[in-house]
PDB file of N, CA and C in Angstrom:
ATOM      1  N   MET A   1      90.359  81.076 112.965  1.00  0.00           N
ATOM      2  CA  MET A   1      91.258  81.706 113.911  1.00  0.00           C
ATOM      3  C   MET A   1      91.533  83.139 113.445  1.00  0.00           C
ATOM      4  N   ILE A   2      91.316  84.098 114.316  1.00  0.00           N
ATOM      5  CA  ILE A   2      91.609  85.491 113.995  1.00  0.00           C
ATOM      6  C   ILE A   2      93.051  85.764 114.393  1.00  0.00           C
ATOM      7  N   ARG A   3      93.804  86.240 113.448  1.00  0.00           N
ATOM      8  CA  ARG A   3      95.213  86.520 113.705  1.00  0.00           C
ATOM      9  C   ARG A   3      95.436  88.021 113.783  1.00  0.00           C
ATOM     10  N   GLU A   4      96.429  88.411 114.539  1.00  0.00           N
ATOM     11  CA  GLU A   4      96.810  89.813 114.615  1.00  0.00           C
ATOM     12  C   GLU A   4      97.505  90.203 113.313  1.00  0.00           C
ATOM     13  N   PRO A   5      97.305  91.455 112.841  1.00  0.00           N
ATOM     14  CA  PRO A   5      97.956  91.882 111.591  1.00  0.00           C
ATOM     15  C   PRO A   5      99.464  91.668 111.605  1.00  0.00           C
ATOM     16  N   SER A   6     100.097  91.815 112.762  1.00  0.00           N
ATOM     17  CA  SER A   6     101.552  91.650 112.835  1.00  0.00           C
ATOM     18  C   SER A   6     101.983  90.200 112.635  1.00  0.00           C
ATOM     19  N   GLU A   7     101.070  89.246 112.786  1.00  0.00           N
ATOM     20  CA  GLU A   7     101.396  87.833 112.606  1.00  0.00           C
ATOM     21  C   GLU A   7     101.310  87.403 111.144  1.00  0.00           C
ATOM     22  N   LEU A   8     100.761  88.261 110.290  1.00  0.00           N
ATOM     23  CA  LEU A   8     100.538  87.899 108.892  1.00  0.00           C
ATOM     24  C   LEU A   8     101.623  88.467 107.996  1.00  0.00           C
ATOM     25  N   LEU A   9     101.883  87.790 106.903  1.00  0.00           N
ATOM     26  CA  LEU A   9     102.839  88.256 105.911  1.00  0.00           C
ATOM     27  C   LEU A   9     102.057  88.959 104.805  1.00  0.00           C
ATOM     28  N   TRP A  10     101.998  90.292 104.867  1.00  0.00           N
ATOM     29  CA  TRP A  10     101.218  91.094 103.933  1.00  0.00           C
ATOM     30  C   TRP A  10     102.035  91.392 102.688  1.00  0.00           C
ATOM     31  N   PHE A  11     101.363  91.420 101.536  1.00  0.00           N
ATOM     32  CA  PHE A  11     102.050  91.818 100.300  1.00  0.00           C
ATOM     33  C   PHE A  11     101.074  92.478  99.339  1.00  0.00           C
ATOM     34  N   LYS A  12     101.640  93.264  98.429  1.00  0.00           N
ATOM     35  CA  LYS A  12     100.867  93.943  97.390  1.00  0.00           C
ATOM     36  C   LYS A  12     101.016  93.169  96.096  1.00  0.00           C
ATOM     37  N   SER A  13     100.028  93.257  95.270  1.00  0.00           N
ATOM     38  CA  SER A  13     100.076  92.595  93.973  1.00  0.00           C
ATOM     39  C   SER A  13     101.175  93.183  93.114  1.00  0.00           C
ATOM     40  N   SER A  14     101.814  92.348  92.340  1.00  0.00           N
ATOM     41  CA  SER A  14     102.808  92.839  91.382  1.00  0.00           C
ATOM     42  C   SER A  14     102.135  93.624  90.270  1.00  0.00           C
ATOM     43  N   TYR A  15     100.813  93.527  90.154  1.00  0.00           N
ATOM     44  CA  TYR A  15     100.055  94.278  89.152  1.00  0.00           C
ATOM     45  C   TYR A  15      99.644  95.664  89.652  1.00  0.00           C
ATOM     46  N   SER A  16      99.878  95.957  90.934  1.00  0.00           N
ATOM     47  CA  SER A  16      99.532  97.273  91.468  1.00  0.00           C
ATOM     48  C   SER A  16     100.369  98.325  90.766  1.00  0.00           C
ATOM     49  N   ASP A  17      99.715  99.354  90.261  1.00  0.00           N
ATOM     50  CA  ASP A  17     100.420 100.416  89.554  1.00  0.00           C
ATOM     51  C   ASP A  17      99.785 101.742  89.933  1.00  0.00           C
ATOM     52  N   SER A  18     100.515 102.550  90.655  1.00  0.00           N
ATOM     53  CA  SER A  18     100.008 103.835  91.092  1.00  0.00           C
ATOM     54  C   SER A  18     101.182 104.783  91.262  1.00  0.00           C
ATOM     55  N   SER A  19     100.923 106.065  91.098  1.00  0.00           N
ATOM     56  CA  SER A  19     101.978 107.036  91.330  1.00  0.00           C
ATOM     57  C   SER A  19     102.325 107.095  92.813  1.00  0.00           C
ATOM     58  N   ASN A  20     101.405 106.653  93.666  1.00  0.00           N
ATOM     59  CA  ASN A  20     101.639 106.578  95.095  1.00  0.00           C
ATOM     60  C   ASN A  20     101.676 105.101  95.479  1.00  0.00           C
ATOM     61  N   GLY A  21     102.824 104.628  95.867  1.00  0.00           N
ATOM     62  CA  GLY A  21     102.994 103.215  96.204  1.00  0.00           C
ATOM     63  C   GLY A  21     102.141 102.726  97.349  1.00  0.00           C
ATOM     64  N   ASN A  22     101.531 103.652  98.089  1.00  0.00           N
ATOM     65  CA  ASN A  22     100.674 103.243  99.205  1.00  0.00           C
ATOM     66  C   ASN A  22      99.216 103.103  98.807  1.00  0.00           C
ATOM     67  N   ASP A  23      98.874 103.398  97.558  1.00  0.00           N
ATOM     68  CA  ASP A  23      97.486 103.277  97.093  1.00  0.00           C
ATOM     69  C   ASP A  23      97.240 101.855  96.604  1.00  0.00           C
ATOM     70  N   CYS A  24      97.240 100.925  97.519  1.00  0.00           N
ATOM     71  CA  CYS A  24      97.100  99.524  97.138  1.00  0.00           C
ATOM     72  C   CYS A  24      96.273  98.770  98.161  1.00  0.00           C
ATOM     73  N   VAL A  25      95.819  97.646  97.721  1.00  0.00           N
ATOM     74  CA  VAL A  25      95.214  96.671  98.614  1.00  0.00           C
ATOM     75  C   VAL A  25      96.291  95.636  98.879  1.00  0.00           C
ATOM     76  N   GLU A  26      96.409  95.227 100.119  1.00  0.00           N
ATOM     77  CA  GLU A  26      97.373  94.196 100.485  1.00  0.00           C
ATOM     78  C   GLU A  26      96.615  92.947 100.916  1.00  0.00           C
ATOM     79  N   ILE A  27      97.237  91.814 100.695  1.00  0.00           N
ATOM     80  CA  ILE A  27      96.640  90.558 101.154  1.00  0.00           C
ATOM     81  C   ILE A  27      97.664  89.755 101.945  1.00  0.00           C
ATOM     82  N   ALA A  28      97.134  88.890 102.773  1.00  0.00           N
ATOM     83  CA  ALA A  28      97.947  87.937 103.529  1.00  0.00           C
ATOM     84  C   ALA A  28      97.166  86.629 103.545  1.00  0.00           C
ATOM     85  N   ALA A  29      97.815  85.561 103.162  1.00  0.00           N
ATOM     86  CA  ALA A  29      97.147  84.264 103.077  1.00  0.00           C
ATOM     87  C   ALA A  29      97.540  83.369 104.251  1.00  0.00           C
ATOM     88  N   THR A  30      96.539  82.671 104.767  1.00  0.00           N
ATOM     89  CA  THR A  30      96.757  81.615 105.742  1.00  0.00           C
ATOM     90  C   THR A  30      96.082  80.371 105.166  1.00  0.00           C
ATOM     91  N   PRO A  31      96.293  79.222 105.741  1.00  0.00           N
ATOM     92  CA  PRO A  31      95.664  78.026 105.175  1.00  0.00           C
ATOM     93  C   PRO A  31      94.139  78.089 105.119  1.00  0.00           C
ATOM     94  N   ASP A  32      93.520  78.821 106.047  1.00  0.00           N
ATOM     95  CA  ASP A  32      92.059  78.832 106.091  1.00  0.00           C
ATOM     96  C   ASP A  32      91.412  80.168 105.736  1.00  0.00           C
ATOM     97  N   SER A  33      92.202  81.201 105.382  1.00  0.00           N
ATOM     98  CA  SER A  33      91.602  82.484 105.021  1.00  0.00           C
ATOM     99  C   SER A  33      92.568  83.384 104.257  1.00  0.00           C
ATOM    100  N   ILE A  34      91.978  84.306 103.516  1.00  0.00           N
ATOM    101  CA  ILE A  34      92.725  85.343 102.817  1.00  0.00           C
ATOM    102  C   ILE A  34      92.324  86.656 103.470  1.00  0.00           C
ATOM    103  N   HIS A  35      93.299  87.386 103.995  1.00  0.00           N
ATOM    104  CA  HIS A  35      93.051  88.651 104.676  1.00  0.00           C
ATOM    105  C   HIS A  35      93.356  89.791 103.709  1.00  0.00           C
ATOM    106  N   ILE A  36      92.507  90.816 103.731  1.00  0.00           N
ATOM    107  CA  ILE A  36      92.628  91.940 102.802  1.00  0.00           C
ATOM    108  C   ILE A  36      92.564  93.223 103.614  1.00  0.00           C
ATOM    109  N   ARG A  37      93.470  94.175 103.289  1.00  0.00           N
ATOM    110  CA  ARG A  37      93.458  95.470 103.979  1.00  0.00           C
ATOM    111  C   ARG A  37      93.895  96.574 103.027  1.00  0.00           C
ATOM    112  N   ASP A  38      93.619  97.799 103.426  1.00  0.00           N
ATOM    113  CA  ASP A  38      94.033  98.992 102.698  1.00  0.00           C
ATOM    114  C   ASP A  38      95.445  99.342 103.146  1.00  0.00           C
ATOM    115  N   SER A  39      96.363  99.468 102.205  1.00  0.00           N
ATOM    116  CA  SER A  39      97.754  99.740 102.568  1.00  0.00           C
ATOM    117  C   SER A  39      97.937 101.106 103.218  1.00  0.00           C
ATOM    118  N   LYS A  40      96.984 102.014 103.023  1.00  0.00           N
ATOM    119  CA  LYS A  40      97.084 103.338 103.642  1.00  0.00           C
ATOM    120  C   LYS A  40      96.637 103.310 105.105  1.00  0.00           C
ATOM    121  N   ASN A  41      95.986 102.248 105.526  1.00  0.00           N
ATOM    122  CA  ASN A  41      95.458 102.154 106.876  1.00  0.00           C
ATOM    123  C   ASN A  41      95.702 100.740 107.402  1.00  0.00           C
ATOM    124  N   VAL A  42      96.953 100.414 107.628  1.00  0.00           N
ATOM    125  CA  VAL A  42      97.314  99.030 107.975  1.00  0.00           C
ATOM    126  C   VAL A  42      96.753  98.571 109.314  1.00  0.00           C
ATOM    127  N   HIS A  43      96.384  99.495 110.180  1.00  0.00           N
ATOM    128  CA  HIS A  43      95.811  99.117 111.471  1.00  0.00           C
ATOM    129  C   HIS A  43      94.291  99.241 111.469  1.00  0.00           C
ATOM    130  N   GLY A  44      93.735  99.591 110.325  1.00  0.00           N
ATOM    131  CA  GLY A  44      92.293  99.753 110.198  1.00  0.00           C
ATOM    132  C   GLY A  44      91.596  98.434 109.948  1.00  0.00           C
ATOM    133  N   PRO A  45      90.354  98.522 109.508  1.00  0.00           N
ATOM    134  CA  PRO A  45      89.581  97.298 109.282  1.00  0.00           C
ATOM    135  C   PRO A  45      90.167  96.446 108.169  1.00  0.00           C
ATOM    136  N   ARG A  46      89.872  95.185 108.232  1.00  0.00           N
ATOM    137  CA  ARG A  46      90.304  94.261 107.188  1.00  0.00           C
ATOM    138  C   ARG A  46      89.207  93.239 106.957  1.00  0.00           C
ATOM    139  N   LEU A  47      89.317  92.595 105.850  1.00  0.00           N
ATOM    140  CA  LEU A  47      88.334  91.609 105.440  1.00  0.00           C
ATOM    141  C   LEU A  47      89.026  90.258 105.376  1.00  0.00           C
ATOM    142  N   ALA A  48      88.353  89.218 105.796  1.00  0.00           N
ATOM    143  CA  ALA A  48      88.886  87.861 105.694  1.00  0.00           C
ATOM    144  C   ALA A  48      87.896  87.018 104.902  1.00  0.00           C
ATOM    145  N   LEU A  49      88.393  86.352 103.881  1.00  0.00           N
ATOM    146  CA  LEU A  49      87.570  85.500 103.026  1.00  0.00           C
ATOM    147  C   LEU A  49      88.073  84.068 103.065  1.00  0.00           C
ATOM    148  N   ALA A  50      87.159  83.154 102.840  1.00  0.00           N
ATOM    149  CA  ALA A  50      87.560  81.757 102.654  1.00  0.00           C
ATOM    150  C   ALA A  50      88.341  81.672 101.347  1.00  0.00           C
ATOM    151  N   PRO A  51      89.299  80.769 101.250  1.00  0.00           N
ATOM    152  CA  PRO A  51      90.069  80.661 100.006  1.00  0.00           C
ATOM    153  C   PRO A  51      89.199  80.470  98.759  1.00  0.00           C
ATOM    154  N   THR A  52      88.102  79.738  98.865  1.00  0.00           N
ATOM    155  CA  THR A  52      87.244  79.547  97.689  1.00  0.00           C
ATOM    156  C   THR A  52      86.577  80.855  97.279  1.00  0.00           C
ATOM    157  N   ALA A  53      86.172  81.675  98.249  1.00  0.00           N
ATOM    158  CA  ALA A  53      85.570  82.974  97.929  1.00  0.00           C
ATOM    159  C   ALA A  53      86.605  83.884  97.272  1.00  0.00           C
ATOM    160  N   TRP A  54      87.841  83.851  97.740  1.00  0.00           N
ATOM    161  CA  TRP A  54      88.909  84.657  97.139  1.00  0.00           C
ATOM    162  C   TRP A  54      89.165  84.209  95.698  1.00  0.00           C
ATOM    163  N   THR A  55      89.217  82.920  95.472  1.00  0.00           N
ATOM    164  CA  THR A  55      89.428  82.401  94.116  1.00  0.00           C
ATOM    165  C   THR A  55      88.311  82.844  93.197  1.00  0.00           C
ATOM    166  N   ASP A  56      87.078  82.764  93.654  1.00  0.00           N
ATOM    167  CA  ASP A  56      85.940  83.222  92.854  1.00  0.00           C
ATOM    168  C   ASP A  56      86.056  84.703  92.536  1.00  0.00           C
ATOM    169  N   PHE A  57      86.448  85.518  93.512  1.00  0.00           N
ATOM    170  CA  PHE A  57      86.589  86.950  93.298  1.00  0.00           C
ATOM    171  C   PHE A  57      87.684  87.243  92.278  1.00  0.00           C
ATOM    172  N   VAL A  58      88.829  86.613  92.399  1.00  0.00           N
ATOM    173  CA  VAL A  58      89.939  86.862  91.478  1.00  0.00           C
ATOM    174  C   VAL A  58      89.561  86.459  90.061  1.00  0.00           C
ATOM    175  N   GLU A  59      88.897  85.325  89.911  1.00  0.00           N
ATOM    176  CA  GLU A  59      88.449  84.904  88.579  1.00  0.00           C
ATOM    177  C   GLU A  59      87.475  85.918  87.980  1.00  0.00           C
ATOM    178  N   TYR A  60      86.550  86.418  88.797  1.00  0.00           N
ATOM    179  CA  TYR A  60      85.581  87.413  88.322  1.00  0.00           C
ATOM    180  C   TYR A  60      86.293  88.716  87.952  1.00  0.00           C
ATOM    181  N   ALA A  61      87.202  89.170  88.792  1.00  0.00           N
ATOM    182  CA  ALA A  61      87.914  90.434  88.540  1.00  0.00           C
ATOM    183  C   ALA A  61      88.805  90.359  87.304  1.00  0.00           C
ATOM    184  N   ALA A  62      89.292  89.178  86.977  1.00  0.00           N
ATOM    185  CA  ALA A  62      90.180  89.012  85.820  1.00  0.00           C
ATOM    186  C   ALA A  62      89.436  89.064  84.497  1.00  0.00           C
ATOM    187  N   GLU A  63      88.109  88.936  84.531  1.00  0.00           N
ATOM    188  CA  GLU A  63      87.322  88.938  83.288  1.00  0.00           C
ATOM    189  C   GLU A  63      87.283  90.300  82.641  1.00  0.00           C
TER     190      GLU A  63
END
């Protein structure tokens, strides 16, 4: 199901650290997908991943 950005609860990682608070990636989770967008362009393109793909990415990025 494709949801409108306004229907999602977007948040930034607590690990985000930048002199500009808008230089972040935001995510919004639903039961069947993880949505990712650029905080500087909230109405722009976004990516949706299956939860397993998101888990794999986070594990890889944490290494």
